Amino acid sequence: QAPGKEREFVASINWRGGLTQYSDFVKGRFTISRDNAKNTLYL
């Protein structure tokens, strides 16, 4: 969420981490991942 703007989607990942999706404006630049053993999500 940028100042004065609505909250917008960036990236999401399924519970296993095998499926991801990105907004067009970050695709190719951002990578979402997760480590369930550590209960941690990354971007």
PDB file of all heavy atoms in Angstrom:
ATOM      1  N   GLN A   1       0.851  -1.188   0.000  1.00  0.00           N
ATOM      2  CA  GLN A   1       0.000   0.000   0.000  1.00  0.00           C
ATOM      3  C   GLN A   1       0.885   1.235   0.000  1.00  0.00           C
ATOM      4  O   GLN A   1       1.661   1.458   0.941  1.00  0.00           O
ATOM      5  CB  GLN A   1      -0.926   0.010   1.213  1.00  0.00           C
ATOM      6  CG  GLN A   1      -1.960   1.115   1.177  1.00  0.00           C
ATOM      7  CD  GLN A   1      -3.062   0.888   2.190  1.00  0.00           C
ATOM      8  OE1 GLN A   1      -2.928   0.098   3.132  1.00  0.00           O
ATOM      9  NE2 GLN A   1      -4.180   1.569   2.000  1.00  0.00           N
ATOM     10  N   ALA A   2       0.770   1.993  -1.065  1.00  0.00           N
ATOM     11  CA  ALA A   2       1.503   3.249  -1.188  1.00  0.00           C
ATOM     12  C   ALA A   2       0.655   4.368  -0.596  1.00  0.00           C
ATOM     13  O   ALA A   2      -0.568   4.247  -0.515  1.00  0.00           O
ATOM     14  CB  ALA A   2       1.804   3.527  -2.649  1.00  0.00           C
ATOM     15  N   PRO A   3       1.276   5.455  -0.190  1.00  0.00           N
ATOM     16  CA  PRO A   3       0.512   6.579   0.389  1.00  0.00           C
ATOM     17  C   PRO A   3      -0.591   7.051  -0.541  1.00  0.00           C
ATOM     18  O   PRO A   3      -0.356   7.292  -1.734  1.00  0.00           O
ATOM     19  CB  PRO A   3       1.579   7.660   0.583  1.00  0.00           C
ATOM     20  CG  PRO A   3       2.853   6.914   0.716  1.00  0.00           C
ATOM     21  CD  PRO A   3       2.722   5.725  -0.182  1.00  0.00           C
ATOM     22  N   GLY A   4      -1.785   7.159  -0.004  1.00  0.00           N
ATOM     23  CA  GLY A   4      -2.896   7.653  -0.784  1.00  0.00           C
ATOM     24  C   GLY A   4      -3.510   6.663  -1.745  1.00  0.00           C
ATOM     25  O   GLY A   4      -4.410   7.010  -2.511  1.00  0.00           O
ATOM     26  N   LYS A   5      -3.027   5.430  -1.706  1.00  0.00           N
ATOM     27  CA  LYS A   5      -3.542   4.405  -2.628  1.00  0.00           C
ATOM     28  C   LYS A   5      -4.119   3.231  -1.852  1.00  0.00           C
ATOM     29  O   LYS A   5      -3.841   3.051  -0.679  1.00  0.00           O
ATOM     30  CB  LYS A   5      -2.430   3.922  -3.559  1.00  0.00           C
ATOM     31  CG  LYS A   5      -1.898   4.994  -4.499  1.00  0.00           C
ATOM     32  CD  LYS A   5      -0.940   4.397  -5.501  1.00  0.00           C
ATOM     33  CE  LYS A   5      -0.468   5.454  -6.491  1.00  0.00           C
ATOM     34  NZ  LYS A   5       0.462   4.877  -7.507  1.00  0.00           N
ATOM     35  N   GLU A   6      -4.899   2.435  -2.536  1.00  0.00           N
ATOM     36  CA  GLU A   6      -5.470   1.246  -1.921  1.00  0.00           C
ATOM     37  C   GLU A   6      -4.419   0.131  -1.845  1.00  0.00           C
ATOM     38  O   GLU A   6      -3.448   0.113  -2.597  1.00  0.00           O
ATOM     39  CB  GLU A   6      -6.677   0.767  -2.718  1.00  0.00           C
ATOM     40  CG  GLU A   6      -7.852   1.728  -2.690  1.00  0.00           C
ATOM     41  CD  GLU A   6      -9.082   1.135  -3.351  1.00  0.00           C
ATOM     42  OE1 GLU A   6      -8.977   0.063  -3.962  1.00  0.00           O
ATOM     43  OE2 GLU A   6     -10.151   1.751  -3.237  1.00  0.00           O
ATOM     44  N   ARG A   7      -4.666  -0.783  -0.939  1.00  0.00           N
ATOM     45  CA  ARG A   7      -3.784  -1.945  -0.825  1.00  0.00           C
ATOM     46  C   ARG A   7      -3.921  -2.775  -2.098  1.00  0.00           C
ATOM     47  O   ARG A   7      -5.035  -3.017  -2.577  1.00  0.00           O
ATOM     48  CB  ARG A   7      -4.159  -2.765   0.397  1.00  0.00           C
ATOM     49  CG  ARG A   7      -3.172  -3.848   0.749  1.00  0.00           C
ATOM     50  CD  ARG A   7      -3.453  -4.411   2.134  1.00  0.00           C
ATOM     51  NE  ARG A   7      -3.331  -3.375   3.169  1.00  0.00           N
ATOM     52  CZ  ARG A   7      -3.362  -3.649   4.471  1.00  0.00           C
ATOM     53  NH1 ARG A   7      -3.482  -4.895   4.889  1.00  0.00           N
ATOM     54  NH2 ARG A   7      -3.256  -2.670   5.342  1.00  0.00           N
ATOM     55  N   GLU A   8      -2.792  -3.215  -2.627  1.00  0.00           N
ATOM     56  CA  GLU A   8      -2.829  -3.970  -3.872  1.00  0.00           C
ATOM     57  C   GLU A   8      -2.044  -5.261  -3.757  1.00  0.00           C
ATOM     58  O   GLU A   8      -1.071  -5.366  -3.004  1.00  0.00           O
ATOM     59  CB  GLU A   8      -2.289  -3.136  -5.041  1.00  0.00           C
ATOM     60  CG  GLU A   8      -0.846  -2.718  -4.903  1.00  0.00           C
ATOM     61  CD  GLU A   8      -0.375  -1.852  -6.074  1.00  0.00           C
ATOM     62  OE1 GLU A   8      -1.176  -1.531  -6.970  1.00  0.00           O
ATOM     63  OE2 GLU A   8       0.819  -1.494  -6.068  1.00  0.00           O
ATOM     64  N   PHE A   9      -2.470  -6.223  -4.522  1.00  0.00           N
ATOM     65  CA  PHE A   9      -1.856  -7.548  -4.547  1.00  0.00           C
ATOM     66  C   PHE A   9      -0.477  -7.475  -5.180  1.00  0.00           C
ATOM     67  O   PHE A   9      -0.271  -6.800  -6.200  1.00  0.00           O
ATOM     68  CB  PHE A   9      -2.746  -8.497  -5.341  1.00  0.00           C
ATOM     69  CG  PHE A   9      -2.107  -9.819  -5.656  1.00  0.00           C
ATOM     70  CD1 PHE A   9      -1.965 -10.787  -4.678  1.00  0.00           C
ATOM     71  CD2 PHE A   9      -1.641 -10.076  -6.943  1.00  0.00           C
ATOM     72  CE1 PHE A   9      -1.371 -12.000  -4.973  1.00  0.00           C
ATOM     73  CE2 PHE A   9      -1.057 -11.289  -7.250  1.00  0.00           C
ATOM     74  CZ  PHE A   9      -0.921 -12.259  -6.258  1.00  0.00           C
ATOM     75  N   VAL A  10       0.459  -8.209  -4.584  1.00  0.00           N
ATOM     76  CA  VAL A  10       1.805  -8.304  -5.136  1.00  0.00           C
ATOM     77  C   VAL A  10       2.103  -9.733  -5.594  1.00  0.00           C
ATOM     78  O   VAL A  10       2.460  -9.963  -6.743  1.00  0.00           O
ATOM     79  CB  VAL A  10       2.859  -7.858  -4.107  1.00  0.00           C
ATOM     80  CG1 VAL A  10       4.276  -8.084  -4.651  1.00  0.00           C
ATOM     81  CG2 VAL A  10       2.658  -6.395  -3.727  1.00  0.00           C
ATOM     82  N   ALA A  11       1.945 -10.686  -4.682  1.00  0.00           N
ATOM     83  CA  ALA A  11       2.288 -12.071  -5.012  1.00  0.00           C
ATOM     84  C   ALA A  11       1.606 -13.004  -4.028  1.00  0.00           C
ATOM     85  O   ALA A  11       1.313 -12.615  -2.898  1.00  0.00           O
ATOM     86  CB  ALA A  11       3.796 -12.288  -4.967  1.00  0.00           C
ATOM     87  N   SER A  12       1.364 -14.235  -4.464  1.00  0.00           N
ATOM     88  CA  SER A  12       0.816 -15.232  -3.558  1.00  0.00           C
ATOM     89  C   SER A  12       1.414 -16.595  -3.864  1.00  0.00           C
ATOM     90  O   SER A  12       1.959 -16.820  -4.950  1.00  0.00           O
ATOM     91  CB  SER A  12      -0.705 -15.275  -3.636  1.00  0.00           C
ATOM     92  OG  SER A  12      -1.127 -15.722  -4.903  1.00  0.00           O
ATOM     93  N   ILE A  13       1.275 -17.498  -2.896  1.00  0.00           N
ATOM     94  CA  ILE A  13       1.870 -18.821  -3.001  1.00  0.00           C
ATOM     95  C   ILE A  13       0.960 -19.814  -2.300  1.00  0.00           C
ATOM     96  O   ILE A  13       0.331 -19.487  -1.291  1.00  0.00           O
ATOM     97  CB  ILE A  13       3.293 -18.795  -2.379  1.00  0.00           C
ATOM     98  CG1 ILE A  13       4.051 -20.091  -2.653  1.00  0.00           C
ATOM     99  CG2 ILE A  13       3.231 -18.499  -0.879  1.00  0.00           C
ATOM    100  CD1 ILE A  13       5.542 -19.969  -2.308  1.00  0.00           C
ATOM    101  N   ASN A  14       0.861 -21.023  -2.847  1.00  0.00           N
ATOM    102  CA  ASN A  14       0.002 -22.003  -2.206  1.00  0.00           C
ATOM    103  C   ASN A  14       0.709 -22.626  -1.010  1.00  0.00           C
ATOM    104  O   ASN A  14       1.876 -22.340  -0.738  1.00  0.00           O
ATOM    105  CB  ASN A  14      -0.465 -23.054  -3.211  1.00  0.00           C
ATOM    106  CG  ASN A  14       0.653 -24.016  -3.597  1.00  0.00           C
ATOM    107  OD1 ASN A  14       1.825 -23.664  -3.605  1.00  0.00           O
ATOM    108  ND2 ASN A  14       0.274 -25.242  -3.914  1.00  0.00           N
ATOM    109  N   TRP A  15       0.012 -23.487  -0.298  1.00  0.00           N
ATOM    110  CA  TRP A  15       0.550 -23.964   0.980  1.00  0.00           C
ATOM    111  C   TRP A  15       1.821 -24.771   0.825  1.00  0.00           C
ATOM    112  O   TRP A  15       2.691 -24.726   1.691  1.00  0.00           O
ATOM    113  CB  TRP A  15      -0.504 -24.766   1.732  1.00  0.00           C
ATOM    114  CG  TRP A  15      -0.755 -26.136   1.172  1.00  0.00           C
ATOM    115  CD1 TRP A  15      -1.512 -26.465   0.084  1.00  0.00           C
ATOM    116  CD2 TRP A  15      -0.233 -27.360   1.690  1.00  0.00           C
ATOM    117  NE1 TRP A  15      -1.492 -27.819  -0.105  1.00  0.00           N
ATOM    118  CE2 TRP A  15      -0.724 -28.396   0.854  1.00  0.00           C
ATOM    119  CE3 TRP A  15       0.586 -27.687   2.761  1.00  0.00           C
ATOM    120  CZ2 TRP A  15      -0.408 -29.740   1.069  1.00  0.00           C
ATOM    121  CZ3 TRP A  15       0.898 -29.030   2.986  1.00  0.00           C
ATOM    122  CH2 TRP A  15       0.402 -30.027   2.131  1.00  0.00           C
ATOM    123  N   ARG A  16       1.973 -25.477  -0.266  1.00  0.00           N
ATOM    124  CA  ARG A  16       3.186 -26.271  -0.463  1.00  0.00           C
ATOM    125  C   ARG A  16       4.324 -25.462  -1.062  1.00  0.00           C
ATOM    126  O   ARG A  16       5.477 -25.875  -1.011  1.00  0.00           O
ATOM    127  CB  ARG A  16       2.890 -27.449  -1.396  1.00  0.00           C
ATOM    128  CG  ARG A  16       2.155 -28.581  -0.751  1.00  0.00           C
ATOM    129  CD  ARG A  16       2.077 -29.764  -1.695  1.00  0.00           C
ATOM    130  NE  ARG A  16       1.479 -30.931  -1.059  1.00  0.00           N
ATOM    131  CZ  ARG A  16       1.328 -32.107  -1.657  1.00  0.00           C
ATOM    132  NH1 ARG A  16       1.749 -32.267  -2.902  1.00  0.00           N
ATOM    133  NH2 ARG A  16       0.774 -33.105  -1.016  1.00  0.00           N
ATOM    134  N   GLY A  17       3.982 -24.334  -1.633  1.00  0.00           N
ATOM    135  CA  GLY A  17       5.006 -23.527  -2.271  1.00  0.00           C
ATOM    136  C   GLY A  17       5.255 -23.860  -3.720  1.00  0.00           C
ATOM    137  O   GLY A  17       6.134 -23.280  -4.350  1.00  0.00           O
ATOM    138  N   GLY A  18       4.476 -24.774  -4.268  1.00  0.00           N
ATOM    139  CA  GLY A  18       4.712 -25.178  -5.639  1.00  0.00           C
ATOM    140  C   GLY A  18       4.031 -24.314  -6.674  1.00  0.00           C
ATOM    141  O   GLY A  18       4.353 -24.382  -7.866  1.00  0.00           O
ATOM    142  N   LEU A  19       3.085 -23.495  -6.235  1.00  0.00           N
ATOM    143  CA  LEU A  19       2.343 -22.629  -7.152  1.00  0.00           C
ATOM    144  C   LEU A  19       2.467 -21.191  -6.682  1.00  0.00           C
ATOM    145  O   LEU A  19       2.302 -20.902  -5.488  1.00  0.00           O
ATOM    146  CB  LEU A  19       0.873 -23.029  -7.196  1.00  0.00           C
ATOM    147  CG  LEU A  19       0.560 -24.421  -7.738  1.00  0.00           C
ATOM    148  CD1 LEU A  19      -0.931 -24.722  -7.588  1.00  0.00           C
ATOM    149  CD2 LEU A  19       0.965 -24.531  -9.205  1.00  0.00           C
ATOM    150  N   THR A  20       2.758 -20.309  -7.617  1.00  0.00           N
ATOM    151  CA  THR A  20       2.873 -18.896  -7.290  1.00  0.00           C
ATOM    152  C   THR A  20       2.156 -18.058  -8.344  1.00  0.00           C
ATOM    153  O   THR A  20       1.937 -18.518  -9.472  1.00  0.00           O
ATOM    154  CB  THR A  20       4.345 -18.447  -7.236  1.00  0.00           C
ATOM    155  OG1 THR A  20       4.966 -18.705  -8.500  1.00  0.00           O
ATOM    156  CG2 THR A  20       5.111 -19.179  -6.142  1.00  0.00           C
ATOM    157  N   GLN A  21       1.797 -16.862  -7.976  1.00  0.00           N
ATOM    158  CA  GLN A  21       1.234 -15.918  -8.932  1.00  0.00           C
ATOM    159  C   GLN A  21       1.685 -14.517  -8.532  1.00  0.00           C
ATOM    160  O   GLN A  21       1.941 -14.247  -7.363  1.00  0.00           O
ATOM    161  CB  GLN A  21      -0.276 -16.011  -9.014  1.00  0.00           C
ATOM    162  CG  GLN A  21      -1.022 -15.707  -7.761  1.00  0.00           C
ATOM    163  CD  GLN A  21      -2.527 -15.871  -7.922  1.00  0.00           C
ATOM    164  OE1 GLN A  21      -3.228 -16.210  -6.989  1.00  0.00           O
ATOM    165  NE2 GLN A  21      -3.048 -15.619  -9.095  1.00  0.00           N
ATOM    166  N   TYR A  22       1.785 -13.650  -9.564  1.00  0.00           N
ATOM    167  CA  TYR A  22       2.324 -12.312  -9.361  1.00  0.00           C
ATOM    168  C   TYR A  22       1.467 -11.285 -10.081  1.00  0.00           C
ATOM    169  O   TYR A  22       0.845 -11.568 -11.108  1.00  0.00           O
ATOM    170  CB  TYR A  22       3.753 -12.230  -9.918  1.00  0.00           C
ATOM    171  CG  TYR A  22       4.726 -13.161  -9.249  1.00  0.00           C
ATOM    172  CD1 TYR A  22       4.948 -14.439  -9.752  1.00  0.00           C
ATOM    173  CD2 TYR A  22       5.415 -12.779  -8.103  1.00  0.00           C
ATOM    174  CE1 TYR A  22       5.830 -15.313  -9.133  1.00  0.00           C
ATOM    175  CE2 TYR A  22       6.310 -13.636  -7.479  1.00  0.00           C
ATOM    176  CZ  TYR A  22       6.504 -14.904  -7.996  1.00  0.00           C
ATOM    177  OH  TYR A  22       7.384 -15.764  -7.375  1.00  0.00           O
ATOM    178  N   SER A  23       1.489 -10.084  -9.559  1.00  0.00           N
ATOM    179  CA  SER A  23       0.894  -8.980 -10.292  1.00  0.00           C
ATOM    180  C   SER A  23       1.804  -8.642 -11.475  1.00  0.00           C
ATOM    181  O   SER A  23       3.010  -8.935 -11.460  1.00  0.00           O
ATOM    182  CB  SER A  23       0.746  -7.769  -9.387  1.00  0.00           C
ATOM    183  OG  SER A  23       2.026  -7.325  -8.966  1.00  0.00           O
ATOM    184  N   ASP A  24       1.243  -8.038 -12.470  1.00  0.00           N
ATOM    185  CA  ASP A  24       2.013  -7.741 -13.678  1.00  0.00           C
ATOM    186  C   ASP A  24       3.180  -6.800 -13.402  1.00  0.00           C
ATOM    187  O   ASP A  24       4.228  -6.894 -14.049  1.00  0.00           O
ATOM    188  CB  ASP A  24       1.103  -7.135 -14.740  1.00  0.00           C
ATOM    189  CG  ASP A  24       0.174  -8.166 -15.358  1.00  0.00           C
ATOM    190  OD1 ASP A  24       0.460  -9.375 -15.221  1.00  0.00           O
ATOM    191  OD2 ASP A  24      -0.833  -7.767 -15.965  1.00  0.00           O
ATOM    192  N   PHE A  25       3.008  -5.918 -12.442  1.00  0.00           N
ATOM    193  CA  PHE A  25       4.047  -4.914 -12.246  1.00  0.00           C
ATOM    194  C   PHE A  25       5.261  -5.439 -11.478  1.00  0.00           C
ATOM    195  O   PHE A  25       6.266  -4.744 -11.357  1.00  0.00           O
ATOM    196  CB  PHE A  25       3.495  -3.642 -11.592  1.00  0.00           C
ATOM    197  CG  PHE A  25       2.633  -3.860 -10.395  1.00  0.00           C
ATOM    198  CD1 PHE A  25       3.170  -4.203  -9.177  1.00  0.00           C
ATOM    199  CD2 PHE A  25       1.255  -3.722 -10.481  1.00  0.00           C
ATOM    200  CE1 PHE A  25       2.381  -4.411  -8.061  1.00  0.00           C
ATOM    201  CE2 PHE A  25       0.442  -3.931  -9.378  1.00  0.00           C
ATOM    202  CZ  PHE A  25       1.009  -4.276  -8.164  1.00  0.00           C
ATOM    203  N   VAL A  26       5.210  -6.660 -10.955  1.00  0.00           N
ATOM    204  CA  VAL A  26       6.382  -7.222 -10.291  1.00  0.00           C
ATOM    205  C   VAL A  26       6.868  -8.501 -10.960  1.00  0.00           C
ATOM    206  O   VAL A  26       7.939  -9.011 -10.608  1.00  0.00           O
ATOM    207  CB  VAL A  26       6.140  -7.501  -8.799  1.00  0.00           C
ATOM    208  CG1 VAL A  26       5.653  -6.252  -8.092  1.00  0.00           C
ATOM    209  CG2 VAL A  26       5.180  -8.653  -8.579  1.00  0.00           C
ATOM    210  N   LYS A  27       6.110  -8.992 -11.887  1.00  0.00           N
ATOM    211  CA  LYS A  27       6.466 -10.248 -12.526  1.00  0.00           C
ATOM    212  C   LYS A  27       7.840 -10.144 -13.169  1.00  0.00           C
ATOM    213  O   LYS A  27       8.141  -9.179 -13.871  1.00  0.00           O
ATOM    214  CB  LYS A  27       5.406 -10.602 -13.580  1.00  0.00           C
ATOM    215  CG  LYS A  27       5.400 -12.047 -14.006  1.00  0.00           C
ATOM    216  CD  LYS A  27       4.197 -12.323 -14.914  1.00  0.00           C
ATOM    217  CE  LYS A  27       2.900 -12.172 -14.183  1.00  0.00           C
ATOM    218  NZ  LYS A  27       1.735 -12.495 -15.038  1.00  0.00           N
ATOM    219  N   GLY A  28       8.683 -11.126 -12.883  1.00  0.00           N
ATOM    220  CA  GLY A  28      10.039 -11.120 -13.419  1.00  0.00           C
ATOM    221  C   GLY A  28      11.047 -10.426 -12.537  1.00  0.00           C
ATOM    222  O   GLY A  28      12.258 -10.560 -12.737  1.00  0.00           O
ATOM    223  N   ARG A  29      10.565  -9.669 -11.560  1.00  0.00           N
ATOM    224  CA  ARG A  29      11.474  -8.956 -10.656  1.00  0.00           C
ATOM    225  C   ARG A  29      11.378  -9.485  -9.221  1.00  0.00           C
ATOM    226  O   ARG A  29      12.385  -9.503  -8.511  1.00  0.00           O
ATOM    227  CB  ARG A  29      11.171  -7.451 -10.649  1.00  0.00           C
ATOM    228  CG  ARG A  29      11.328  -6.777 -11.996  1.00  0.00           C
ATOM    229  CD  ARG A  29      11.203  -5.267 -11.867  1.00  0.00           C
ATOM    230  NE  ARG A  29       9.869  -4.860 -11.415  1.00  0.00           N
ATOM    231  CZ  ARG A  29       9.642  -4.118 -10.324  1.00  0.00           C
ATOM    232  NH1 ARG A  29      10.651  -3.692  -9.586  1.00  0.00           N
ATOM    233  NH2 ARG A  29       8.401  -3.768  -9.993  1.00  0.00           N
ATOM    234  N   PHE A  30      10.195  -9.884  -8.804  1.00  0.00           N
ATOM    235  CA  PHE A  30       9.970 -10.358  -7.438  1.00  0.00           C
ATOM    236  C   PHE A  30       9.753 -11.868  -7.455  1.00  0.00           C
ATOM    237  O   PHE A  30       9.189 -12.413  -8.409  1.00  0.00           O
ATOM    238  CB  PHE A  30       8.740  -9.695  -6.833  1.00  0.00           C
ATOM    239  CG  PHE A  30       8.861  -8.221  -6.551  1.00  0.00           C
ATOM    240  CD1 PHE A  30       9.940  -7.472  -7.003  1.00  0.00           C
ATOM    241  CD2 PHE A  30       7.872  -7.585  -5.809  1.00  0.00           C
ATOM    242  CE1 PHE A  30      10.033  -6.118  -6.736  1.00  0.00           C
ATOM    243  CE2 PHE A  30       7.951  -6.230  -5.523  1.00  0.00           C
ATOM    244  CZ  PHE A  30       9.025  -5.495  -6.002  1.00  0.00           C
ATOM    245  N   THR A  31      10.165 -12.513  -6.371  1.00  0.00           N
ATOM    246  CA  THR A  31       9.944 -13.940  -6.209  1.00  0.00           C
ATOM    247  C   THR A  31       9.423 -14.218  -4.808  1.00  0.00           C
ATOM    248  O   THR A  31      10.060 -13.840  -3.822  1.00  0.00           O
ATOM    249  CB  THR A  31      11.239 -14.733  -6.436  1.00  0.00           C
ATOM    250  OG1 THR A  31      11.757 -14.448  -7.740  1.00  0.00           O
ATOM    251  CG2 THR A  31      10.980 -16.229  -6.308  1.00  0.00           C
ATOM    252  N   ILE A  32       8.280 -14.870  -4.738  1.00  0.00           N
ATOM    253  CA  ILE A  32       7.711 -15.271  -3.458  1.00  0.00           C
ATOM    254  C   ILE A  32       8.101 -16.720  -3.183  1.00  0.00           C
ATOM    255  O   ILE A  32       8.132 -17.553  -4.095  1.00  0.00           O
ATOM    256  CB  ILE A  32       6.174 -15.096  -3.447  1.00  0.00           C
ATOM    257  CG1 ILE A  32       5.611 -15.333  -2.046  1.00  0.00           C
ATOM    258  CG2 ILE A  32       5.506 -15.981  -4.496  1.00  0.00           C
ATOM    259  CD1 ILE A  32       4.120 -14.987  -1.935  1.00  0.00           C
ATOM    260  N   SER A  33       8.408 -17.005  -1.934  1.00  0.00           N
ATOM    261  CA  SER A  33       8.752 -18.374  -1.549  1.00  0.00           C
ATOM    262  C   SER A  33       8.399 -18.561  -0.088  1.00  0.00           C
ATOM    263  O   SER A  33       8.092 -17.597   0.610  1.00  0.00           O
ATOM    264  CB  SER A  33      10.243 -18.651  -1.796  1.00  0.00           C
ATOM    265  OG  SER A  33      11.046 -17.799  -1.006  1.00  0.00           O
ATOM    266  N   ARG A  34       8.459 -19.792   0.361  1.00  0.00           N
ATOM    267  CA  ARG A  34       8.142 -20.078   1.755  1.00  0.00           C
ATOM    268  C   ARG A  34       8.948 -21.255   2.231  1.00  0.00           C
ATOM    269  O   ARG A  34       9.325 -22.136   1.450  1.00  0.00           O
ATOM    270  CB  ARG A  34       6.643 -20.329   1.923  1.00  0.00           C
ATOM    271  CG  ARG A  34       6.132 -21.586   1.229  1.00  0.00           C
ATOM    272  CD  ARG A  34       4.594 -21.633   1.235  1.00  0.00           C
ATOM    273  NE  ARG A  34       4.074 -21.682   2.595  1.00  0.00           N
ATOM    274  CZ  ARG A  34       2.805 -21.428   2.911  1.00  0.00           C
ATOM    275  NH1 ARG A  34       1.935 -21.123   1.958  1.00  0.00           N
ATOM    276  NH2 ARG A  34       2.408 -21.500   4.155  1.00  0.00           N
ATOM    277  N   ASP A  35       9.194 -21.273   3.519  1.00  0.00           N
ATOM    278  CA  ASP A  35       9.854 -22.390   4.179  1.00  0.00           C
ATOM    279  C   ASP A  35       8.927 -22.811   5.307  1.00  0.00           C
ATOM    280  O   ASP A  35       8.906 -22.188   6.373  1.00  0.00           O
ATOM    281  CB  ASP A  35      11.222 -21.959   4.705  1.00  0.00           C
ATOM    282  CG  ASP A  35      12.003 -23.111   5.313  1.00  0.00           C
ATOM    283  OD1 ASP A  35      11.374 -24.117   5.707  1.00  0.00           O
ATOM    284  OD2 ASP A  35      13.228 -23.011   5.409  1.00  0.00           O
ATOM    285  N   ASN A  36       8.145 -23.847   5.070  1.00  0.00           N
ATOM    286  CA  ASN A  36       7.151 -24.254   6.064  1.00  0.00           C
ATOM    287  C   ASN A  36       7.799 -24.806   7.328  1.00  0.00           C
ATOM    288  O   ASN A  36       7.220 -24.720   8.403  1.00  0.00           O
ATOM    289  CB  ASN A  36       6.199 -25.278   5.451  1.00  0.00           C
ATOM    290  CG  ASN A  36       5.211 -24.635   4.503  1.00  0.00           C
ATOM    291  OD1 ASN A  36       5.019 -23.417   4.506  1.00  0.00           O
ATOM    292  ND2 ASN A  36       4.589 -25.447   3.659  1.00  0.00           N
ATOM    293  N   ALA A  37       8.975 -25.357   7.208  1.00  0.00           N
ATOM    294  CA  ALA A  37       9.669 -25.853   8.394  1.00  0.00           C
ATOM    295  C   ALA A  37      10.007 -24.705   9.340  1.00  0.00           C
ATOM    296  O   ALA A  37      10.068 -24.891  10.554  1.00  0.00           O
ATOM    297  CB  ALA A  37      10.939 -26.586   7.986  1.00  0.00           C
ATOM    298  N   LYS A  38      10.216 -23.541   8.771  1.00  0.00           N
ATOM    299  CA  LYS A  38      10.529 -22.354   9.574  1.00  0.00           C
ATOM    300  C   LYS A  38       9.329 -21.437   9.739  1.00  0.00           C
ATOM    301  O   LYS A  38       9.444 -20.376  10.361  1.00  0.00           O
ATOM    302  CB  LYS A  38      11.671 -21.569   8.923  1.00  0.00           C
ATOM    303  CG  LYS A  38      12.987 -22.325   8.852  1.00  0.00           C
ATOM    304  CD  LYS A  38      14.069 -21.460   8.218  1.00  0.00           C
ATOM    305  CE  LYS A  38      15.392 -22.197   8.168  1.00  0.00           C
ATOM    306  NZ  LYS A  38      16.465 -21.385   7.529  1.00  0.00           N
ATOM    307  N   ASN A  39       8.202 -21.829   9.160  1.00  0.00           N
ATOM    308  CA  ASN A  39       6.991 -20.984   9.202  1.00  0.00           C
ATOM    309  C   ASN A  39       7.298 -19.569   8.735  1.00  0.00           C
ATOM    310  O   ASN A  39       6.895 -18.582   9.357  1.00  0.00           O
ATOM    311  CB  ASN A  39       6.413 -20.936  10.618  1.00  0.00           C
ATOM    312  CG  ASN A  39       5.437 -22.061  10.870  1.00  0.00           C
ATOM    313  OD1 ASN A  39       4.969 -22.721   9.940  1.00  0.00           O
ATOM    314  ND2 ASN A  39       5.130 -22.284  12.115  1.00  0.00           N
ATOM    315  N   THR A  40       8.003 -19.467   7.638  1.00  0.00           N
ATOM    316  CA  THR A  40       8.432 -18.166   7.146  1.00  0.00           C
ATOM    317  C   THR A  40       8.121 -18.010   5.670  1.00  0.00           C
ATOM    318  O   THR A  40       8.319 -18.938   4.884  1.00  0.00           O
ATOM    319  CB  THR A  40       9.934 -17.956   7.392  1.00  0.00           C
ATOM    320  OG1 THR A  40      10.204 -18.095   8.791  1.00  0.00           O
ATOM    321  CG2 THR A  40      10.365 -16.555   6.964  1.00  0.00           C
ATOM    322  N   LEU A  41       7.640 -16.845   5.327  1.00  0.00           N
ATOM    323  CA  LEU A  41       7.334 -16.455   3.956  1.00  0.00           C
ATOM    324  C   LEU A  41       8.368 -15.416   3.534  1.00  0.00           C
ATOM    325  O   LEU A  41       8.795 -14.590   4.345  1.00  0.00           O
ATOM    326  CB  LEU A  41       5.929 -15.857   3.904  1.00  0.00           C
ATOM    327  CG  LEU A  41       5.442 -15.299   2.587  1.00  0.00           C
ATOM    328  CD1 LEU A  41       5.133 -16.443   1.613  1.00  0.00           C
ATOM    329  CD2 LEU A  41       4.200 -14.434   2.797  1.00  0.00           C
ATOM    330  N   TYR A  42       8.741 -15.457   2.259  1.00  0.00           N
ATOM    331  CA  TYR A  42       9.740 -14.517   1.760  1.00  0.00           C
ATOM    332  C   TYR A  42       9.239 -13.798   0.511  1.00  0.00           C
ATOM    333  O   TYR A  42       8.391 -14.301  -0.215  1.00  0.00           O
ATOM    334  CB  TYR A  42      11.044 -15.254   1.397  1.00  0.00           C
ATOM    335  CG  TYR A  42      11.660 -16.016   2.534  1.00  0.00           C
ATOM    336  CD1 TYR A  42      11.468 -17.389   2.645  1.00  0.00           C
ATOM    337  CD2 TYR A  42      12.433 -15.384   3.491  1.00  0.00           C
ATOM    338  CE1 TYR A  42      12.031 -18.114   3.689  1.00  0.00           C
ATOM    339  CE2 TYR A  42      13.003 -16.089   4.543  1.00  0.00           C
ATOM    340  CZ  TYR A  42      12.799 -17.457   4.631  1.00  0.00           C
ATOM    341  OH  TYR A  42      13.356 -18.161   5.670  1.00  0.00           O
ATOM    342  N   LEU A  43       9.811 -12.629   0.285  1.00  0.00           N
ATOM    343  CA  LEU A  43       9.606 -11.937  -0.977  1.00  0.00           C
ATOM    344  C   LEU A  43      10.949 -11.348  -1.388  1.00  0.00           C
ATOM    345  O   LEU A  43      11.432 -10.389  -0.780  1.00  0.00           O
ATOM    346  CB  LEU A  43       8.559 -10.830  -0.853  1.00  0.00           C
ATOM    347  CG  LEU A  43       8.228 -10.122  -2.170  1.00  0.00           C
ATOM    348  CD1 LEU A  43       7.497 -11.098  -3.117  1.00  0.00           C
ATOM    349  CD2 LEU A  43       7.360  -8.884  -1.935  1.00  0.00           C
TER     350      LEU A  43
END
